[in-house]
Protein backbone atom coordinates (compact mmCIF):
# COMPACT_ATOMS: atom_id res chain seq x y z
CA MET A 1 -39.03 -40.94 13.41
CA VAL A 2 -41.42 -39.00 11.21
CA SER A 3 -41.18 -35.99 13.52
CA SER A 4 -37.39 -36.19 13.41
CA ASN A 5 -37.41 -36.00 9.60
CA ALA A 6 -39.94 -33.18 9.69
CA GLU A 7 -37.76 -31.30 12.18
CA LYS A 8 -34.70 -31.73 9.97
CA LYS A 9 -36.67 -30.49 6.97
CA ARG A 10 -37.83 -27.44 8.95
CA GLU A 11 -34.25 -26.72 9.98
CA VAL A 12 -33.07 -27.01 6.37
CA ILE A 13 -35.91 -24.76 5.19
CA ALA A 14 -35.15 -22.23 7.92
CA SER A 15 -31.47 -22.32 6.99
CA LEU A 16 -32.32 -21.83 3.32
CA ARG A 17 -34.60 -18.90 4.16
CA LEU A 18 -31.82 -17.32 6.22
CA GLN A 19 -29.33 -17.78 3.39
CA THR A 20 -31.87 -16.36 0.92
CA TRP A 21 -32.42 -13.34 3.15
CA ARG A 22 -28.64 -12.79 3.48
CA MET A 23 -28.18 -13.10 -0.27
CA LYS A 24 -30.99 -10.60 -0.86
CA GLU A 25 -29.31 -8.16 1.55
CA ALA A 26 -25.97 -8.63 -0.21
CA ASN A 27 -27.65 -8.20 -3.58
CA ASP A 28 -29.30 -4.96 -2.43
CA GLU A 29 -25.93 -3.64 -1.25
CA ILE A 30 -24.32 -4.55 -4.58
CA ARG A 31 -27.16 -2.84 -6.48
CA ALA A 32 -26.65 0.29 -4.40
CA GLU A 33 -22.90 0.22 -5.17
CA ILE A 34 -23.62 -0.25 -8.87
CA ASP A 35 -26.02 2.71 -8.82
CA LEU A 36 -23.38 4.88 -7.16
CA MET A 37 -20.77 3.80 -9.71
CA GLN A 38 -23.13 4.52 -12.62
CA LYS A 39 -23.79 8.00 -11.24
CA GLU A 40 -20.04 8.57 -10.90
CA VAL A 41 -19.42 7.37 -14.47
CA TYR A 42 -22.13 9.74 -15.74
CA ARG A 43 -20.60 12.60 -13.74
CA LEU A 44 -17.12 11.86 -15.11
CA LYS A 45 -18.42 11.70 -18.68
CA THR A 46 -20.08 15.07 -18.19
CA VAL A 47 -16.85 16.54 -16.79
CA GLU A 48 -14.83 15.05 -19.66
CA THR A 49 -17.22 16.54 -22.22
CA LYS A 50 -17.01 19.97 -20.58
CA LEU A 51 -13.21 19.80 -20.42
CA LYS A 52 -13.06 18.72 -24.04
CA ASP A 53 -15.21 21.71 -25.03
CA ILE A 54 -13.05 24.11 -23.02
CA VAL A 55 -9.82 22.78 -24.50
CA GLU A 56 -11.15 22.84 -28.06
CA ASN A 57 -12.58 26.36 -27.60
CA GLN A 58 -9.12 27.55 -26.60
CA GLY A 59 -7.63 26.08 -29.76
CA TYR A 60 -5.94 23.03 -28.25
CA ASN A 61 -6.23 19.41 -29.27
CA PHE A 62 -7.94 17.41 -26.53
CA ALA A 63 -6.13 14.18 -27.43
CA ALA A 64 -2.76 15.91 -27.22
CA MET A 65 -3.69 17.50 -23.88
CA TYR A 66 -4.82 14.13 -22.56
CA ASP A 67 -1.56 12.51 -23.70
CA ILE A 68 0.40 15.20 -21.87
CA PHE A 69 -1.70 14.67 -18.77
CA ARG A 70 -1.16 10.89 -18.91
CA GLU A 71 2.59 11.34 -19.45
CA ASN A 72 2.73 13.72 -16.48
CA LYS A 73 0.92 11.17 -14.34
CA GLU A 74 3.41 8.46 -15.37
CA LEU A 75 6.33 10.76 -14.57
CA ASN A 76 4.86 11.48 -11.15
CA GLU A 77 4.64 7.73 -10.50
CA VAL A 78 8.29 7.32 -11.50
CA LYS A 79 9.23 10.20 -9.18
CA LYS A 80 7.38 8.50 -6.33
CA GLU A 81 9.22 5.27 -7.00
CA LEU A 82 12.55 7.09 -7.10
CA ALA A 83 11.78 8.86 -3.83
CA GLU A 84 10.92 5.49 -2.31
CA ALA A 85 14.18 4.00 -3.63
CA ILE A 86 16.22 6.91 -2.26
CA GLY A 87 14.58 6.52 1.15
CA PHE A 88 15.27 2.78 1.12
CA GLN A 89 18.88 3.41 0.03
CA ASN A 90 19.32 5.90 2.87
CA LEU A 91 17.95 3.30 5.26
CA MET A 92 20.40 0.65 4.01
CA THR A 93 23.29 3.14 4.17
CA GLY A 94 22.31 3.95 7.75
CA ILE A 95 22.38 0.25 8.60
CA LEU A 96 25.82 -0.24 7.08
CA ARG A 97 27.19 2.86 8.84
CA THR A 98 25.88 1.49 12.14
CA ASP A 99 28.54 -1.21 12.35
CA THR A 100 31.22 1.26 13.44
CA ASN A 101 33.79 -1.33 14.55
CA ARG A 102 33.28 -3.38 11.34
CA ASN A 103 32.91 -6.73 13.14
CA HIS A 104 29.47 -7.42 11.59
CA ILE A 105 27.99 -7.92 15.07
CA ILE A 106 25.39 -5.37 16.17
CA GLY A 107 25.63 -4.40 19.82
CA ASP A 108 23.14 -2.41 21.86
CA ALA A 109 24.97 0.89 21.34
CA GLU A 110 25.05 0.37 17.57
CA LEU A 111 21.38 -0.61 17.54
CA ASN A 112 20.43 2.52 19.48
CA LEU A 113 22.48 4.63 17.06
CA LEU A 114 20.58 3.11 14.13
CA ALA A 115 17.26 3.73 15.89
CA PHE A 116 18.25 7.39 16.23
CA ARG A 117 19.25 7.55 12.54
CA ILE A 118 15.96 5.98 11.46
CA GLN A 119 14.05 8.86 13.02
CA SER A 120 15.89 11.30 10.72
CA ILE A 121 15.35 9.36 7.48
CA GLU A 122 12.28 10.68 5.71
CA GLY A 123 9.69 8.14 4.62
CA VAL A 124 10.66 5.23 6.88
CA PRO A 125 7.36 3.60 7.83
CA PHE A 126 8.43 2.34 11.25
CA THR A 127 10.01 3.74 14.39
CA GLY A 128 13.38 3.01 15.87
CA ARG A 129 11.63 1.38 18.84
CA GLU A 130 9.78 -1.04 16.54
CA MET A 131 13.07 -1.96 14.87
CA ILE A 132 14.80 -2.50 18.24
CA ASP A 133 11.93 -4.67 19.47
CA ARG A 134 11.90 -6.77 16.29
CA PHE A 135 15.69 -7.17 16.21
CA GLY A 136 15.73 -7.98 19.93
CA ASN A 137 13.61 -11.07 19.19
CA THR A 138 16.34 -12.55 16.97
CA ARG A 139 18.99 -14.91 18.27
CA LYS A 140 21.77 -13.87 15.91
CA ARG A 141 22.79 -10.21 16.21
CA SER A 142 24.67 -9.99 12.92
CA LEU A 143 24.60 -7.22 10.36
CA THR A 144 22.93 -9.58 7.88
CA THR A 145 20.19 -10.41 10.38
CA LEU A 146 19.65 -6.69 10.99
CA VAL A 147 19.28 -6.04 7.26
CA ASP A 148 16.76 -8.90 7.00
CA VAL A 149 14.78 -7.65 10.00
CA VAL A 150 14.68 -4.07 8.71
CA GLN A 151 13.67 -5.18 5.21
CA GLU A 152 10.85 -7.37 6.58
CA LEU A 153 9.66 -4.57 8.88
CA TYR A 154 9.82 -2.05 6.03
CA ILE A 155 7.73 -4.23 3.70
CA GLU A 156 5.24 -5.11 6.43
CA LYS A 157 4.67 -1.46 7.41
CA ARG A 158 4.39 -0.28 3.78
CA ARG A 159 1.76 -2.93 3.13
CA GLU A 160 -0.14 -1.80 6.22
CA GLN A 161 0.00 1.81 4.99
CA THR A 162 -1.27 0.81 1.56
CA SER A 163 -4.14 -1.24 2.96
CA GLU A 164 -5.10 1.68 5.23
CA THR A 165 -4.95 4.05 2.27
CA ALA A 166 -7.14 1.71 0.24
CA LYS A 167 -9.82 1.87 2.95
CA ILE A 168 -9.96 5.68 2.79
CA PRO A 169 -12.38 6.87 0.09
CA MET A 170 -10.51 8.97 -2.44
CA ASP A 171 -11.68 12.53 -2.96
CA GLY A 172 -9.78 12.95 -6.21
CA THR A 173 -6.49 14.01 -4.61
CA PRO A 174 -3.71 11.64 -3.57
CA THR A 175 -3.05 11.72 0.16
CA LYS A 176 -0.29 9.14 0.37
CA LEU A 177 2.38 7.69 -1.86
CA GLY A 178 -0.05 5.51 -3.77
CA SER A 179 -0.23 1.89 -4.76
CA HIS A 180 2.80 1.71 -7.08
CA LEU A 181 5.45 1.74 -4.41
CA LEU A 182 8.88 0.35 -4.99
CA TRP A 183 8.66 -2.00 -2.00
CA LYS A 184 6.38 -4.21 -4.06
CA ARG A 185 9.40 -5.20 -6.10
CA ARG A 186 12.05 -7.70 -5.10
CA PHE A 187 15.37 -6.15 -4.06
CA ASP A 188 18.83 -7.50 -4.66
CA LEU A 189 20.51 -6.13 -1.54
CA ASN A 190 23.97 -6.98 -2.80
CA VAL A 191 23.62 -4.54 -5.66
CA GLY A 192 20.89 -2.30 -4.23
CA MET A 193 18.81 -2.39 -7.38
CA ALA A 194 15.20 -3.40 -7.94
CA VAL A 195 14.86 -6.61 -9.94
């Protein structure tokens, strides 16, 4: 009985040592990240100071230049959102145009036509094949079901793109649409406007 308690204590101590070692490793990694961030902050402050000197030497007001830069950045974000909205609107228009016989039932020919149209719409994050596969798994082949499937697929693929983009270290230049995409908002499909 005594040896059983001693064994349990050894196991607990060994477990605690392992946890302590893991925490130390995690702490070392966090310290390294903090050091890198502090170096980056110092570098950015140096760059800001140099830019401020350049702007002031040329007779411009740094605050005004910064405000213009910030306003330009905001306008670029709005343009990205508008481009996203236009792409989504084109996608919805393509879906509605797919129901050529206006019976609100989507047949194979109409689905293939939509898949072809999707390939020509710029910015759609999924392929026609993915849409056909996803819609093929539904029991009801109505126009409403197609809209729901396409919207779900669109949101899912945009989120995947954003998470992939977040994993890529930024080099100071945007390589994708960014994190402020319109798909993050809720859509009222009856009106076609973001809510």
